[in-house]
C-alpha atoms as a PDB file:
ATOM      1  CA  MET A   1       3.689  16.903   1.509  1.00  0.00           C
ATOM      2  CA  ASP A   2       5.663  17.399   4.746  1.00  0.00           C
ATOM      3  CA  SER A   3       8.511  15.012   5.407  1.00  0.00           C
ATOM      4  CA  GLU A   4       6.825  13.066   8.249  1.00  0.00           C
ATOM      5  CA  ARG A   5       3.623  12.357   6.223  1.00  0.00           C
ATOM      6  CA  PHE A   6       5.923  11.373   3.276  1.00  0.00           C
ATOM      7  CA  LEU A   7       7.810   8.849   5.400  1.00  0.00           C
ATOM      8  CA  VAL A   8       4.559   7.363   6.740  1.00  0.00           C
ATOM      9  CA  TYR A   9       3.157   7.160   3.258  1.00  0.00           C
ATOM     10  CA  THR A  10       6.241   5.549   1.743  1.00  0.00           C
ATOM     11  CA  ASP A  11       6.388   3.016   4.601  1.00  0.00           C
ATOM     12  CA  ALA A  12       2.716   2.083   3.843  1.00  0.00           C
ATOM     13  CA  MET A  13       3.412   1.811   0.141  1.00  0.00           C
ATOM     14  CA  ASN A  14       6.560  -0.318   0.691  1.00  0.00           C
ATOM     15  CA  THR A  15       4.793  -2.760   2.958  1.00  0.00           C
ATOM     16  CA  THR A  16       1.954  -3.397   0.499  1.00  0.00           C
ATOM     17  CA  ALA A  17       2.072  -7.165  -0.182  1.00  0.00           C
ATOM     18  CA  GLN A  18       3.262  -8.255  -3.623  1.00  0.00           C
ATOM     19  CA  GLN A  19      -0.067 -10.070  -4.173  1.00  0.00           C
ATOM     20  CA  ASP A  20      -2.016  -6.837  -3.490  1.00  0.00           C
ATOM     21  CA  TRP A  21      -0.588  -4.832  -6.362  1.00  0.00           C
ATOM     22  CA  PRO A  22      -2.529  -6.443  -9.177  1.00  0.00           C
ATOM     23  CA  VAL A  23      -5.810  -5.840  -7.337  1.00  0.00           C
ATOM     24  CA  ILE A  24      -4.876  -2.290  -6.542  1.00  0.00           C
ATOM     25  CA  LEU A  25      -3.741  -1.423 -10.042  1.00  0.00           C
ATOM     26  CA  LYS A  26      -6.742  -2.970 -11.715  1.00  0.00           C
ATOM     27  CA  ALA A  27      -9.129  -1.188  -9.302  1.00  0.00           C
ATOM     28  CA  ILE A  28      -7.541   2.213 -10.172  1.00  0.00           C
ATOM     29  CA  ARG A  29      -7.872   1.534 -13.840  1.00  0.00           C
ATOM     30  CA  LYS A  30     -11.496   0.318 -13.642  1.00  0.00           C
ATOM     31  CA  GLN A  31     -12.572   3.101 -11.301  1.00  0.00           C
ATOM     32  CA  PHE A  32     -11.339   5.774 -13.799  1.00  0.00           C
ATOM     33  CA  SER A  33     -12.039   3.824 -17.015  1.00  0.00           C
ATOM     34  CA  LEU A  34      -8.401   3.657 -18.086  1.00  0.00           C
ATOM     35  CA  THR A  35      -6.776   1.194 -20.421  1.00  0.00           C
ATOM     36  CA  GLN A  36      -3.477  -0.305 -19.243  1.00  0.00           C
ATOM     37  CA  ASP A  37      -1.654   1.710 -21.871  1.00  0.00           C
ATOM     38  CA  ARG A  38      -3.282   5.022 -20.717  1.00  0.00           C
ATOM     39  CA  ALA A  39      -2.601   4.255 -17.068  1.00  0.00           C
ATOM     40  CA  ALA A  40       0.983   3.537 -17.855  1.00  0.00           C
ATOM     41  CA  LYS A  41       1.473   6.743 -19.878  1.00  0.00           C
ATOM     42  CA  LEU A  42      -0.105   8.859 -17.067  1.00  0.00           C
ATOM     43  CA  ILE A  43       2.690   7.711 -14.725  1.00  0.00           C
ATOM     44  CA  GLY A  44       5.440   7.639 -17.298  1.00  0.00           C
ATOM     45  CA  VAL A  45       6.146   3.927 -17.590  1.00  0.00           C
ATOM     46  CA  SER A  46       5.739   1.460 -20.398  1.00  0.00           C
ATOM     47  CA  ALA A  47       2.466  -0.403 -20.915  1.00  0.00           C
ATOM     48  CA  ARG A  48       4.522  -3.613 -20.610  1.00  0.00           C
ATOM     49  CA  SER A  49       5.547  -2.590 -17.109  1.00  0.00           C
ATOM     50  CA  TRP A  50       1.988  -1.865 -16.082  1.00  0.00           C
ATOM     51  CA  VAL A  51       0.808  -5.207 -17.493  1.00  0.00           C
ATOM     52  CA  ALA A  52       3.535  -7.060 -15.663  1.00  0.00           C
ATOM     53  CA  TRP A  53       2.568  -5.328 -12.388  1.00  0.00           C
ATOM     54  CA  GLU A  54      -1.140  -5.943 -12.928  1.00  0.00           C
ATOM     55  CA  GLN A  55      -0.591  -9.577 -13.738  1.00  0.00           C
ATOM     56  CA  GLY A  56       1.585 -10.125 -10.653  1.00  0.00           C
ATOM     57  CA  TYR A  57       4.790 -10.895 -12.573  1.00  0.00           C
ATOM     58  CA  ARG A  58       6.582  -7.895 -11.020  1.00  0.00           C
ATOM     59  CA  VAL A  59       5.810  -5.279  -8.405  1.00  0.00           C
ATOM     60  CA  PRO A  60       6.173  -1.513  -8.899  1.00  0.00           C
ATOM     61  CA  THR A  61       9.379   0.113  -7.709  1.00  0.00           C
ATOM     62  CA  PRO A  62       9.087   2.476  -4.715  1.00  0.00           C
ATOM     63  CA  SER A  63       9.141   5.456  -7.035  1.00  0.00           C
ATOM     64  CA  ALA A  64       6.481   4.035  -9.245  1.00  0.00           C
ATOM     65  CA  ARG A  65       4.341   3.325  -6.204  1.00  0.00           C
ATOM     66  CA  ILE A  66       4.460   6.993  -5.285  1.00  0.00           C
ATOM     67  CA  LEU A  67       3.410   7.899  -8.859  1.00  0.00           C
ATOM     68  CA  ILE A  68       0.517   5.382  -8.709  1.00  0.00           C
ATOM     69  CA  HIS A  69      -0.697   6.904  -5.509  1.00  0.00           C
ATOM     70  CA  GLN A  70      -0.436  10.381  -6.928  1.00  0.00           C
ATOM     71  CA  LEU A  71      -2.242   9.380 -10.052  1.00  0.00           C
ATOM     72  CA  ALA A  72      -5.135   7.869  -8.066  1.00  0.00           C
ATOM     73  CA  GLY A  73      -5.374  11.039  -5.987  1.00  0.00           C
ATOM     74  CA  ARG A  74      -5.202  13.324  -9.048  1.00  0.00           C
ATOM     75  CA  LEU A  75      -7.860  11.393 -10.879  1.00  0.00           C
ATOM     76  CA  LYS A  76     -10.307  11.825  -8.076  1.00  0.00           C
ATOM     77  CA  THR A  77     -10.253  15.573  -8.526  1.00  0.00           C
ATOM     78  CA  GLU A  78      -9.346  16.077 -12.211  1.00  0.00           C
ATOM     79  CA  PRO A  79     -10.769  14.674 -15.365  1.00  0.00           C
ATOM     80  CA  VAL A  80      -8.479  12.420 -17.350  1.00  0.00           C
ATOM     81  CA  GLY A  81      -7.169  14.177 -20.467  1.00  0.00           C
ATOM     82  CA  THR A  82      -6.617  12.504 -23.816  1.00  0.00           C
END
């Protein structure tokens, strides 16, 4: 990803409203038939973190937001492994 597109992307991810993250995360999981535990493992965070994000108790860090976006993009083109 070139630096200009990366900056636009990170700005968009950073301005996502706190109340939108639970909806986004649940939609990603449901679209790809993932459990919270599996989704968390795929981006390298604890299931507890994913659950807290999805329930609106916390929001993903900027680096986690990038990983979430990458996960969603990857899942569109690759099957989910075990």
